[in-house]
Protein backbone atom coordinates (compact mmCIF):
# COMPACT_ATOMS: atom_id res chain seq x y z
CA UNK A 1 0.00 0.00 0.00
CA UNK A 2 1.27 3.45 -0.86
CA UNK A 3 0.88 6.18 1.70
CA UNK A 4 0.83 9.92 1.09
CA UNK A 5 4.28 10.41 2.63
CA UNK A 6 5.79 7.80 0.31
CA UNK A 7 4.19 9.42 -2.72
CA UNK A 8 5.42 12.83 -1.65
CA UNK A 9 8.94 11.51 -1.12
CA UNK A 10 8.90 9.89 -4.57
CA UNK A 11 7.85 13.18 -6.15
CA UNK A 12 10.59 15.04 -4.29
CA UNK A 13 13.18 12.48 -5.45
CA UNK A 14 12.13 13.04 -9.07
CA UNK A 15 12.30 16.82 -8.65
CA UNK A 16 15.72 16.54 -6.98
CA UNK A 17 16.98 14.38 -9.86
CA UNK A 18 15.58 16.87 -12.35
CA UNK A 19 17.25 19.79 -10.57
CA UNK A 20 20.56 17.92 -10.43
CA UNK A 21 20.34 17.06 -14.13
CA UNK A 22 19.64 20.71 -14.95
CA UNK A 23 22.67 21.79 -12.90
CA UNK A 24 24.94 19.18 -14.49
CA UNK A 25 23.74 20.09 -17.97
CA UNK A 26 24.44 23.78 -17.34
CA UNK A 27 27.95 22.87 -16.16
CA UNK A 28 28.47 20.77 -19.30
CA UNK A 29 27.49 23.74 -21.46
CA UNK A 30 29.88 25.97 -19.50
CA UNK A 31 32.81 23.58 -20.05
CA UNK A 32 32.06 23.09 -23.75
CA UNK A 33 31.82 26.85 -24.25
CA UNK A 34 35.09 27.34 -22.36
CA UNK A 35 36.89 24.83 -24.61
CA UNK A 36 35.43 26.40 -27.76
CA UNK A 37 36.36 29.87 -26.53
CA UNK A 38 39.96 28.86 -25.86
CA UNK A 39 40.21 27.40 -29.34
CA UNK A 40 38.42 30.28 -31.04
CA UNK A 41 41.14 32.60 -29.75
CA UNK A 42 43.51 30.50 -31.89
CA UNK A 43 41.13 30.71 -34.87
CA UNK A 44 39.97 27.10 -34.50
CA UNK A 45 36.21 26.69 -34.89
CA UNK A 46 35.75 23.13 -36.11
CA UNK A 47 36.40 21.26 -32.83
CA UNK A 48 33.45 19.43 -31.22
CA UNK A 49 34.18 18.65 -27.54
CA UNK A 50 31.19 16.30 -27.20
CA UNK A 51 32.34 13.87 -29.90
CA UNK A 52 33.61 10.51 -28.71
CA UNK A 53 36.95 11.02 -30.46
CA UNK A 54 37.52 14.43 -28.81
CA UNK A 55 41.00 13.56 -27.51
CA UNK A 56 42.27 12.20 -30.81
CA UNK A 57 40.77 15.16 -32.65
CA UNK A 58 42.47 17.57 -30.23
CA UNK A 59 45.85 16.04 -31.09
CA UNK A 60 45.27 16.82 -34.78
CA UNK A 61 44.20 20.45 -34.33
CA UNK A 62 46.18 23.31 -35.79
CA UNK A 63 45.81 27.03 -35.24
CA UNK A 64 44.24 29.19 -37.92
CA UNK A 65 47.67 29.82 -39.43
CA UNK A 66 48.63 26.12 -39.46
CA UNK A 67 50.82 25.90 -36.35
CA UNK A 68 50.29 23.21 -33.70
CA UNK A 69 48.39 24.32 -30.62
CA UNK A 70 50.66 25.81 -27.95
CA UNK A 71 51.52 23.13 -25.34
CA UNK A 72 50.10 25.13 -22.41
CA UNK A 73 46.80 25.60 -24.24
CA UNK A 74 46.59 21.92 -25.11
CA UNK A 75 47.20 20.99 -21.45
CA UNK A 76 44.50 23.42 -20.34
CA UNK A 77 42.02 21.95 -22.82
CA UNK A 78 42.90 18.39 -21.75
CA UNK A 79 42.07 19.37 -18.15
CA UNK A 80 38.73 20.77 -19.32
CA UNK A 81 38.08 17.55 -21.25
CA UNK A 82 38.83 15.56 -18.08
CA UNK A 83 36.19 17.62 -16.26
CA UNK A 84 33.76 17.21 -19.16
CA UNK A 85 34.14 13.43 -19.23
CA UNK A 86 33.60 13.19 -15.47
CA UNK A 87 30.51 15.36 -15.81
CA UNK A 88 29.17 13.22 -18.67
CA UNK A 89 29.48 10.16 -16.41
CA UNK A 90 27.56 11.98 -13.66
CA UNK A 91 24.83 12.91 -16.14
CA UNK A 92 24.49 9.24 -17.17
CA UNK A 93 24.08 8.20 -13.53
CA UNK A 94 21.46 10.87 -12.80
CA UNK A 95 19.46 9.95 -15.92
CA UNK A 96 19.12 6.33 -14.77
PDB file of N, CA and C in Angstrom:
ATOM      1  N   UNK A   1       0.840  -1.173   0.000  1.00  0.00           N
ATOM      2  CA  UNK A   1       0.000   0.000   0.000  1.00  0.00           C
ATOM      3  C   UNK A   1       0.889   1.241   0.000  1.00  0.00           C
ATOM      4  N   UNK A   2       0.499   2.212  -0.739  1.00  0.00           N
ATOM      5  CA  UNK A   2       1.273   3.445  -0.862  1.00  0.00           C
ATOM      6  C   UNK A   2       0.640   4.526   0.005  1.00  0.00           C
ATOM      7  N   UNK A   3       1.432   5.120   0.861  1.00  0.00           N
ATOM      8  CA  UNK A   3       0.879   6.185   1.695  1.00  0.00           C
ATOM      9  C   UNK A   3       1.235   7.546   1.108  1.00  0.00           C
ATOM     10  N   UNK A   4       0.628   8.569   1.610  1.00  0.00           N
ATOM     11  CA  UNK A   4       0.835   9.919   1.087  1.00  0.00           C
ATOM     12  C   UNK A   4       2.278  10.373   1.265  1.00  0.00           C
ATOM     13  N   UNK A   5       2.893  10.006   2.384  1.00  0.00           N
ATOM     14  CA  UNK A   5       4.278  10.409   2.632  1.00  0.00           C
ATOM     15  C   UNK A   5       5.212   9.762   1.616  1.00  0.00           C
ATOM     16  N   UNK A   6       4.961   8.493   1.298  1.00  0.00           N
ATOM     17  CA  UNK A   6       5.786   7.797   0.313  1.00  0.00           C
ATOM     18  C   UNK A   6       5.635   8.411  -1.064  1.00  0.00           C
ATOM     19  N   UNK A   7       4.427   8.786  -1.430  1.00  0.00           N
ATOM     20  CA  UNK A   7       4.192   9.419  -2.722  1.00  0.00           C
ATOM     21  C   UNK A   7       4.862  10.782  -2.775  1.00  0.00           C
ATOM     22  N   UNK A   8       4.789  11.512  -1.681  1.00  0.00           N
ATOM     23  CA  UNK A   8       5.419  12.835  -1.647  1.00  0.00           C
ATOM     24  C   UNK A   8       6.936  12.703  -1.753  1.00  0.00           C
ATOM     25  N   UNK A   9       7.493  11.717  -1.062  1.00  0.00           N
ATOM     26  CA  UNK A   9       8.940  11.508  -1.118  1.00  0.00           C
ATOM     27  C   UNK A   9       9.373  11.120  -2.531  1.00  0.00           C
ATOM     28  N   UNK A  10       8.580  10.289  -3.198  1.00  0.00           N
ATOM     29  CA  UNK A  10       8.898   9.892  -4.571  1.00  0.00           C
ATOM     30  C   UNK A  10       8.888  11.080  -5.507  1.00  0.00           C
ATOM     31  N   UNK A  11       7.911  11.966  -5.335  1.00  0.00           N
ATOM     32  CA  UNK A  11       7.846  13.178  -6.149  1.00  0.00           C
ATOM     33  C   UNK A  11       9.030  14.084  -5.898  1.00  0.00           C
ATOM     34  N   UNK A  12       9.427  14.207  -4.638  1.00  0.00           N
ATOM     35  CA  UNK A  12      10.585  15.040  -4.289  1.00  0.00           C
ATOM     36  C   UNK A  12      11.865  14.458  -4.881  1.00  0.00           C
ATOM     37  N   UNK A  13      11.996  13.124  -4.854  1.00  0.00           N
ATOM     38  CA  UNK A  13      13.175  12.483  -5.445  1.00  0.00           C
ATOM     39  C   UNK A  13      13.271  12.791  -6.936  1.00  0.00           C
ATOM     40  N   UNK A  14      12.132  12.736  -7.630  1.00  0.00           N
ATOM     41  CA  UNK A  14      12.128  13.038  -9.071  1.00  0.00           C
ATOM     42  C   UNK A  14      12.512  14.489  -9.311  1.00  0.00           C
ATOM     43  N   UNK A  15      11.971  15.400  -8.491  1.00  0.00           N
ATOM     44  CA  UNK A  15      12.305  16.821  -8.650  1.00  0.00           C
ATOM     45  C   UNK A  15      13.784  17.062  -8.364  1.00  0.00           C
ATOM     46  N   UNK A  16      14.300  16.386  -7.324  1.00  0.00           N
ATOM     47  CA  UNK A  16      15.717  16.543  -6.984  1.00  0.00           C
ATOM     48  C   UNK A  16      16.591  16.058  -8.139  1.00  0.00           C
ATOM     49  N   UNK A  17      16.230  14.912  -8.716  1.00  0.00           N
ATOM     50  CA  UNK A  17      16.981  14.384  -9.863  1.00  0.00           C
ATOM     51  C   UNK A  17      16.916  15.326 -11.046  1.00  0.00           C
ATOM     52  N   UNK A  18      15.749  15.912 -11.255  1.00  0.00           N
ATOM     53  CA  UNK A  18      15.575  16.866 -12.346  1.00  0.00           C
ATOM     54  C   UNK A  18      16.418  18.116 -12.121  1.00  0.00           C
ATOM     55  N   UNK A  19      16.436  18.613 -10.881  1.00  0.00           N
ATOM     56  CA  UNK A  19      17.252  19.793 -10.566  1.00  0.00           C
ATOM     57  C   UNK A  19      18.732  19.487 -10.747  1.00  0.00           C
ATOM     58  N   UNK A  20      19.142  18.300 -10.298  1.00  0.00           N
ATOM     59  CA  UNK A  20      20.555  17.924 -10.431  1.00  0.00           C
ATOM     60  C   UNK A  20      20.943  17.799 -11.898  1.00  0.00           C
ATOM     61  N   UNK A  21      20.069  17.200 -12.692  1.00  0.00           N
ATOM     62  CA  UNK A  21      20.338  17.064 -14.127  1.00  0.00           C
ATOM     63  C   UNK A  21      20.452  18.434 -14.782  1.00  0.00           C
ATOM     64  N   UNK A  22      19.588  19.345 -14.394  1.00  0.00           N
ATOM     65  CA  UNK A  22      19.639  20.706 -14.946  1.00  0.00           C
ATOM     66  C   UNK A  22      20.965  21.380 -14.580  1.00  0.00           C
ATOM     67  N   UNK A  23      21.413  21.208 -13.347  1.00  0.00           N
ATOM     68  CA  UNK A  23      22.674  21.790 -12.896  1.00  0.00           C
ATOM     69  C   UNK A  23      23.855  21.183 -13.652  1.00  0.00           C
ATOM     70  N   UNK A  24      23.856  19.860 -13.786  1.00  0.00           N
ATOM     71  CA  UNK A  24      24.944  19.183 -14.490  1.00  0.00           C
ATOM     72  C   UNK A  24      24.981  19.579 -15.961  1.00  0.00           C
ATOM     73  N   UNK A  25      23.809  19.704 -16.564  1.00  0.00           N
ATOM     74  CA  UNK A  25      23.740  20.093 -17.974  1.00  0.00           C
ATOM     75  C   UNK A  25      24.272  21.514 -18.168  1.00  0.00           C
ATOM     76  N   UNK A  26      23.929  22.406 -17.256  1.00  0.00           N
ATOM     77  CA  UNK A  26      24.441  23.784 -17.344  1.00  0.00           C
ATOM     78  C   UNK A  26      25.964  23.793 -17.208  1.00  0.00           C
ATOM     79  N   UNK A  27      26.495  22.960 -16.332  1.00  0.00           N
ATOM     80  CA  UNK A  27      27.950  22.871 -16.165  1.00  0.00           C
ATOM     81  C   UNK A  27      28.600  22.307 -17.426  1.00  0.00           C
ATOM     82  N   UNK A  28      27.958  21.324 -18.050  1.00  0.00           N
ATOM     83  CA  UNK A  28      28.473  20.766 -19.302  1.00  0.00           C
ATOM     84  C   UNK A  28      28.549  21.850 -20.376  1.00  0.00           C
ATOM     85  N   UNK A  29      27.508  22.653 -20.490  1.00  0.00           N
ATOM     86  CA  UNK A  29      27.485  23.742 -21.463  1.00  0.00           C
ATOM     87  C   UNK A  29      28.613  24.727 -21.166  1.00  0.00           C
ATOM     88  N   UNK A  30      28.825  25.037 -19.885  1.00  0.00           N
ATOM     89  CA  UNK A  30      29.878  25.971 -19.498  1.00  0.00           C
ATOM     90  C   UNK A  30      31.251  25.457 -19.927  1.00  0.00           C
ATOM     91  N   UNK A  31      31.504  24.165 -19.700  1.00  0.00           N
ATOM     92  CA  UNK A  31      32.805  23.584 -20.052  1.00  0.00           C
ATOM     93  C   UNK A  31      32.994  23.551 -21.567  1.00  0.00           C
ATOM     94  N   UNK A  32      31.967  23.131 -22.283  1.00  0.00           N
ATOM     95  CA  UNK A  32      32.055  23.087 -23.753  1.00  0.00           C
ATOM     96  C   UNK A  32      32.316  24.488 -24.301  1.00  0.00           C
ATOM     97  N   UNK A  33      31.603  25.479 -23.783  1.00  0.00           N
ATOM     98  CA  UNK A  33      31.816  26.855 -24.248  1.00  0.00           C
ATOM     99  C   UNK A  33      33.215  27.348 -23.908  1.00  0.00           C
ATOM    100  N   UNK A  34      33.723  26.943 -22.750  1.00  0.00           N
ATOM    101  CA  UNK A  34      35.086  27.336 -22.360  1.00  0.00           C
ATOM    102  C   UNK A  34      36.109  26.763 -23.342  1.00  0.00           C
ATOM    103  N   UNK A  35      35.967  25.477 -23.664  1.00  0.00           N
ATOM    104  CA  UNK A  35      36.885  24.828 -24.613  1.00  0.00           C
ATOM    105  C   UNK A  35      36.806  25.525 -25.972  1.00  0.00           C
ATOM    106  N   UNK A  36      35.590  25.753 -26.449  1.00  0.00           N
ATOM    107  CA  UNK A  36      35.427  26.398 -27.756  1.00  0.00           C
ATOM    108  C   UNK A  36      35.996  27.811 -27.746  1.00  0.00           C
ATOM    109  N   UNK A  37      35.821  28.523 -26.634  1.00  0.00           N
ATOM    110  CA  UNK A  37      36.361  29.873 -26.533  1.00  0.00           C
ATOM    111  C   UNK A  37      37.880  29.891 -26.565  1.00  0.00           C
ATOM    112  N   UNK A  38      38.491  28.955 -25.846  1.00  0.00           N
ATOM    113  CA  UNK A  38      39.955  28.862 -25.856  1.00  0.00           C
ATOM    114  C   UNK A  38      40.477  28.599 -27.270  1.00  0.00           C
ATOM    115  N   UNK A  39      39.780  27.733 -27.986  1.00  0.00           N
ATOM    116  CA  UNK A  39      40.212  27.403 -29.344  1.00  0.00           C
ATOM    117  C   UNK A  39      39.899  28.520 -30.333  1.00  0.00           C
ATOM    118  N   UNK A  40      38.785  29.203 -30.125  1.00  0.00           N
ATOM    119  CA  UNK A  40      38.419  30.285 -31.036  1.00  0.00           C
ATOM    120  C   UNK A  40      39.461  31.396 -31.013  1.00  0.00           C
ATOM    121  N   UNK A  41      40.080  31.606 -29.854  1.00  0.00           N
ATOM    122  CA  UNK A  41      41.141  32.604 -29.748  1.00  0.00           C
ATOM    123  C   UNK A  41      42.335  32.242 -30.633  1.00  0.00           C
ATOM    124  N   UNK A  42      42.446  30.958 -30.990  1.00  0.00           N
ATOM    125  CA  UNK A  42      43.512  30.501 -31.895  1.00  0.00           C
ATOM    126  C   UNK A  42      42.989  30.304 -33.323  1.00  0.00           C
ATOM    127  N   UNK A  43      41.797  30.812 -33.567  1.00  0.00           N
ATOM    128  CA  UNK A  43      41.127  30.707 -34.867  1.00  0.00           C
ATOM    129  C   UNK A  43      40.833  29.261 -35.262  1.00  0.00           C
ATOM    130  N   UNK A  44      40.398  28.482 -34.262  1.00  0.00           N
ATOM    131  CA  UNK A  44      39.966  27.102 -34.496  1.00  0.00           C
ATOM    132  C   UNK A  44      38.478  27.055 -34.157  1.00  0.00           C
ATOM    133  N   UNK A  45      37.657  26.708 -35.143  1.00  0.00           N
ATOM    134  CA  UNK A  45      36.214  26.689 -34.888  1.00  0.00           C
ATOM    135  C   UNK A  45      35.563  25.347 -35.205  1.00  0.00           C
ATOM    136  N   UNK A  46      36.326  24.393 -35.666  1.00  0.00           N
ATOM    137  CA  UNK A  46      35.747  23.125 -36.114  1.00  0.00           C
ATOM    138  C   UNK A  46      35.718  22.042 -35.034  1.00  0.00           C
ATOM    139  N   UNK A  47      36.284  22.290 -33.874  1.00  0.00           N
ATOM    140  CA  UNK A  47      36.401  21.265 -32.831  1.00  0.00           C
ATOM    141  C   UNK A  47      35.067  21.063 -32.124  1.00  0.00           C
ATOM    142  N   UNK A  48      34.699  19.782 -31.902  1.00  0.00           N
ATOM    143  CA  UNK A  48      33.449  19.432 -31.221  1.00  0.00           C
ATOM    144  C   UNK A  48      33.779  18.648 -29.949  1.00  0.00           C
ATOM    145  N   UNK A  49      33.776  19.303 -28.791  1.00  0.00           N
ATOM    146  CA  UNK A  49      34.176  18.649 -27.543  1.00  0.00           C
ATOM    147  C   UNK A  49      33.300  17.478 -27.111  1.00  0.00           C
ATOM    148  N   UNK A  50      32.079  17.380 -27.634  1.00  0.00           N
ATOM    149  CA  UNK A  50      31.188  16.300 -27.201  1.00  0.00           C
ATOM    150  C   UNK A  50      31.313  15.038 -28.058  1.00  0.00           C
ATOM    151  N   UNK A  51      32.128  15.081 -29.089  1.00  0.00           N
ATOM    152  CA  UNK A  51      32.336  13.870 -29.904  1.00  0.00           C
ATOM    153  C   UNK A  51      33.122  12.835 -29.116  1.00  0.00           C
ATOM    154  N   UNK A  52      32.906  11.592 -29.412  1.00  0.00           N
ATOM    155  CA  UNK A  52      33.612  10.514 -28.706  1.00  0.00           C
ATOM    156  C   UNK A  52      35.119  10.550 -28.954  1.00  0.00           C
ATOM    157  N   UNK A  53      35.531  11.000 -30.120  1.00  0.00           N
ATOM    158  CA  UNK A  53      36.954  11.022 -30.462  1.00  0.00           C
ATOM    159  C   UNK A  53      37.591  12.378 -30.138  1.00  0.00           C
ATOM    160  N   UNK A  54      37.069  13.066 -29.133  1.00  0.00           N
ATOM    161  CA  UNK A  54      37.517  14.433 -28.806  1.00  0.00           C
ATOM    162  C   UNK A  54      39.006  14.515 -28.511  1.00  0.00           C
ATOM    163  N   UNK A  55      39.559  13.508 -27.846  1.00  0.00           N
ATOM    164  CA  UNK A  55      40.996  13.560 -27.507  1.00  0.00           C
ATOM    165  C   UNK A  55      41.867  13.365 -28.751  1.00  0.00           C
ATOM    166  N   UNK A  56      41.508  12.420 -29.579  1.00  0.00           N
ATOM    167  CA  UNK A  56      42.270  12.198 -30.815  1.00  0.00           C
ATOM    168  C   UNK A  56      42.159  13.412 -31.735  1.00  0.00           C
ATOM    169  N   UNK A  57      40.969  13.976 -31.809  1.00  0.00           N
ATOM    170  CA  UNK A  57      40.768  15.155 -32.651  1.00  0.00           C
ATOM    171  C   UNK A  57      41.588  16.344 -32.130  1.00  0.00           C
ATOM    172  N   UNK A  58      41.679  16.480 -30.818  1.00  0.00           N
ATOM    173  CA  UNK A  58      42.468  17.567 -30.234  1.00  0.00           C
ATOM    174  C   UNK A  58      43.935  17.462 -30.657  1.00  0.00           C
ATOM    175  N   UNK A  59      44.455  16.245 -30.710  1.00  0.00           N
ATOM    176  CA  UNK A  59      45.855  16.044 -31.087  1.00  0.00           C
ATOM    177  C   UNK A  59      46.121  16.489 -32.525  1.00  0.00           C
ATOM    178  N   UNK A  60      45.099  16.469 -33.362  1.00  0.00           N
ATOM    179  CA  UNK A  60      45.268  16.820 -34.777  1.00  0.00           C
ATOM    180  C   UNK A  60      45.051  18.308 -35.058  1.00  0.00           C
ATOM    181  N   UNK A  61      44.555  19.056 -34.084  1.00  0.00           N
ATOM    182  CA  UNK A  61      44.200  20.455 -34.328  1.00  0.00           C
ATOM    183  C   UNK A  61      45.414  21.325 -34.622  1.00  0.00           C
ATOM    184  N   UNK A  62      45.192  22.299 -35.459  1.00  0.00           N
ATOM    185  CA  UNK A  62      46.177  23.315 -35.791  1.00  0.00           C
ATOM    186  C   UNK A  62      45.516  24.679 -35.619  1.00  0.00           C
ATOM    187  N   UNK A  63      46.337  25.672 -35.338  1.00  0.00           N
ATOM    188  CA  UNK A  63      45.810  27.031 -35.236  1.00  0.00           C
ATOM    189  C   UNK A  63      45.358  27.493 -36.613  1.00  0.00           C
ATOM    190  N   UNK A  64      44.721  28.650 -36.651  1.00  0.00           N
ATOM    191  CA  UNK A  64      44.236  29.189 -37.923  1.00  0.00           C
ATOM    192  C   UNK A  64      45.330  29.408 -38.944  1.00  0.00           C
ATOM    193  N   UNK A  65      46.568  29.629 -38.479  1.00  0.00           N
ATOM    194  CA  UNK A  65      47.674  29.820 -39.431  1.00  0.00           C
ATOM    195  C   UNK A  65      48.514  28.555 -39.614  1.00  0.00           C
ATOM    196  N   UNK A  66      47.992  27.396 -39.174  1.00  0.00           N
ATOM    197  CA  UNK A  66      48.634  26.117 -39.460  1.00  0.00           C
ATOM    198  C   UNK A  66      49.625  25.608 -38.434  1.00  0.00           C
ATOM    199  N   UNK A  67      49.886  26.360 -37.385  1.00  0.00           N
ATOM    200  CA  UNK A  67      50.821  25.899 -36.351  1.00  0.00           C
ATOM    201  C   UNK A  67      50.123  24.924 -35.399  1.00  0.00           C
ATOM    202  N   UNK A  68      50.896  24.057 -34.740  1.00  0.00           N
ATOM    203  CA  UNK A  68      50.293  23.206 -33.699  1.00  0.00           C
ATOM    204  C   UNK A  68      49.816  24.084 -32.541  1.00  0.00           C
ATOM    205  N   UNK A  69      48.853  23.574 -31.790  1.00  0.00           N
ATOM    206  CA  UNK A  69      48.386  24.322 -30.620  1.00  0.00           C
ATOM    207  C   UNK A  69      49.540  24.497 -29.629  1.00  0.00           C
ATOM    208  N   UNK A  70      49.624  25.629 -28.973  1.00  0.00           N
ATOM    209  CA  UNK A  70      50.656  25.806 -27.948  1.00  0.00           C
ATOM    210  C   UNK A  70      50.494  24.755 -26.844  1.00  0.00           C
ATOM    211  N   UNK A  71      51.596  24.214 -26.344  1.00  0.00           N
ATOM    212  CA  UNK A  71      51.515  23.133 -25.338  1.00  0.00           C
ATOM    213  C   UNK A  71      50.704  23.513 -24.099  1.00  0.00           C
ATOM    214  N   UNK A  72      50.856  24.739 -23.604  1.00  0.00           N
ATOM    215  CA  UNK A  72      50.104  25.132 -22.407  1.00  0.00           C
ATOM    216  C   UNK A  72      48.603  25.166 -22.680  1.00  0.00           C
ATOM    217  N   UNK A  73      48.219  25.570 -23.878  1.00  0.00           N
ATOM    218  CA  UNK A  73      46.804  25.603 -24.242  1.00  0.00           C
ATOM    219  C   UNK A  73      46.254  24.183 -24.356  1.00  0.00           C
ATOM    220  N   UNK A  74      47.025  23.305 -24.977  1.00  0.00           N
ATOM    221  CA  UNK A  74      46.587  21.919 -25.114  1.00  0.00           C
ATOM    222  C   UNK A  74      46.402  21.273 -23.738  1.00  0.00           C
ATOM    223  N   UNK A  75      47.335  21.541 -22.808  1.00  0.00           N
ATOM    224  CA  UNK A  75      47.201  20.990 -21.445  1.00  0.00           C
ATOM    225  C   UNK A  75      45.949  21.531 -20.758  1.00  0.00           C
ATOM    226  N   UNK A  76      45.684  22.800 -20.947  1.00  0.00           N
ATOM    227  CA  UNK A  76      44.501  23.415 -20.345  1.00  0.00           C
ATOM    228  C   UNK A  76      43.220  22.780 -20.902  1.00  0.00           C
ATOM    229  N   UNK A  77      43.194  22.563 -22.197  1.00  0.00           N
ATOM    230  CA  UNK A  77      42.018  21.950 -22.823  1.00  0.00           C
ATOM    231  C   UNK A  77      41.864  20.504 -22.375  1.00  0.00           C
ATOM    232  N   UNK A  78      42.967  19.779 -22.237  1.00  0.00           N
ATOM    233  CA  UNK A  78      42.899  18.393 -21.747  1.00  0.00           C
ATOM    234  C   UNK A  78      42.292  18.365 -20.346  1.00  0.00           C
ATOM    235  N   UNK A  79      42.669  19.311 -19.492  1.00  0.00           N
ATOM    236  CA  UNK A  79      42.071  19.373 -18.149  1.00  0.00           C
ATOM    237  C   UNK A  79      40.571  19.641 -18.225  1.00  0.00           C
ATOM    238  N   UNK A  80      40.172  20.504 -19.141  1.00  0.00           N
ATOM    239  CA  UNK A  80      38.734  20.770 -19.325  1.00  0.00           C
ATOM    240  C   UNK A  80      38.019  19.526 -19.850  1.00  0.00           C
ATOM    241  N   UNK A  81      38.670  18.785 -20.740  1.00  0.00           N
ATOM    242  CA  UNK A  81      38.079  17.546 -21.254  1.00  0.00           C
ATOM    243  C   UNK A  81      37.941  16.521 -20.126  1.00  0.00           C
ATOM    244  N   UNK A  82      38.936  16.452 -19.247  1.00  0.00           N
ATOM    245  CA  UNK A  82      38.832  15.557 -18.084  1.00  0.00           C
ATOM    246  C   UNK A  82      37.583  15.894 -17.269  1.00  0.00           C
ATOM    247  N   UNK A  83      37.380  17.185 -17.015  1.00  0.00           N
ATOM    248  CA  UNK A  83      36.191  17.623 -16.261  1.00  0.00           C
ATOM    249  C   UNK A  83      34.918  17.263 -17.019  1.00  0.00           C
ATOM    250  N   UNK A  84      34.927  17.499 -18.323  1.00  0.00           N
ATOM    251  CA  UNK A  84      33.764  17.211 -19.159  1.00  0.00           C
ATOM    252  C   UNK A  84      33.409  15.729 -19.109  1.00  0.00           C
ATOM    253  N   UNK A  85      34.405  14.870 -19.227  1.00  0.00           N
ATOM    254  CA  UNK A  85      34.137  13.431 -19.225  1.00  0.00           C
ATOM    255  C   UNK A  85      33.603  12.962 -17.875  1.00  0.00           C
ATOM    256  N   UNK A  86      34.125  13.508 -16.794  1.00  0.00           N
ATOM    257  CA  UNK A  86      33.596  13.189 -15.470  1.00  0.00           C
ATOM    258  C   UNK A  86      32.141  13.641 -15.359  1.00  0.00           C
ATOM    259  N   UNK A  87      31.864  14.817 -15.844  1.00  0.00           N
ATOM    260  CA  UNK A  87      30.513  15.355 -15.808  1.00  0.00           C
ATOM    261  C   UNK A  87      29.560  14.513 -16.658  1.00  0.00           C
ATOM    262  N   UNK A  88      30.007  14.066 -17.820  1.00  0.00           N
ATOM    263  CA  UNK A  88      29.169  13.220 -18.673  1.00  0.00           C
ATOM    264  C   UNK A  88      28.820  11.911 -17.970  1.00  0.00           C
ATOM    265  N   UNK A  89      29.764  11.364 -17.203  1.00  0.00           N
ATOM    266  CA  UNK A  89      29.479  10.163 -16.414  1.00  0.00           C
ATOM    267  C   UNK A  89      28.433  10.457 -15.344  1.00  0.00           C
ATOM    268  N   UNK A  90      28.534  11.598 -14.684  1.00  0.00           N
ATOM    269  CA  UNK A  90      27.558  11.976 -13.656  1.00  0.00           C
ATOM    270  C   UNK A  90      26.172  12.134 -14.284  1.00  0.00           C
ATOM    271  N   UNK A  91      26.118  12.728 -15.452  1.00  0.00           N
ATOM    272  CA  UNK A  91      24.828  12.913 -16.143  1.00  0.00           C
ATOM    273  C   UNK A  91      24.205  11.557 -16.454  1.00  0.00           C
ATOM    274  N   UNK A  92      25.007  10.598 -16.900  1.00  0.00           N
ATOM    275  CA  UNK A  92      24.492   9.241 -17.174  1.00  0.00           C
ATOM    276  C   UNK A  92      23.877   8.630 -15.932  1.00  0.00           C
ATOM    277  N   UNK A  93      24.570   8.776 -14.796  1.00  0.00           N
ATOM    278  CA  UNK A  93      24.080   8.197 -13.531  1.00  0.00           C
ATOM    279  C   UNK A  93      22.758   8.842 -13.111  1.00  0.00           C
ATOM    280  N   UNK A  94      22.668  10.154 -13.237  1.00  0.00           N
ATOM    281  CA  UNK A  94      21.457  10.866 -12.804  1.00  0.00           C
ATOM    282  C   UNK A  94      20.276  10.510 -13.713  1.00  0.00           C
ATOM    283  N   UNK A  95      20.533  10.281 -14.995  1.00  0.00           N
ATOM    284  CA  UNK A  95      19.455   9.953 -15.922  1.00  0.00           C
ATOM    285  C   UNK A  95      18.860   8.574 -15.669  1.00  0.00           C
ATOM    286  N   UNK A  96      19.607   7.701 -15.025  1.00  0.00           N
ATOM    287  CA  UNK A  96      19.124   6.331 -14.775  1.00  0.00           C
ATOM    288  C   UNK A  96      18.148   6.274 -13.666  1.00  0.00           C
TER     289      UNK A  96
END
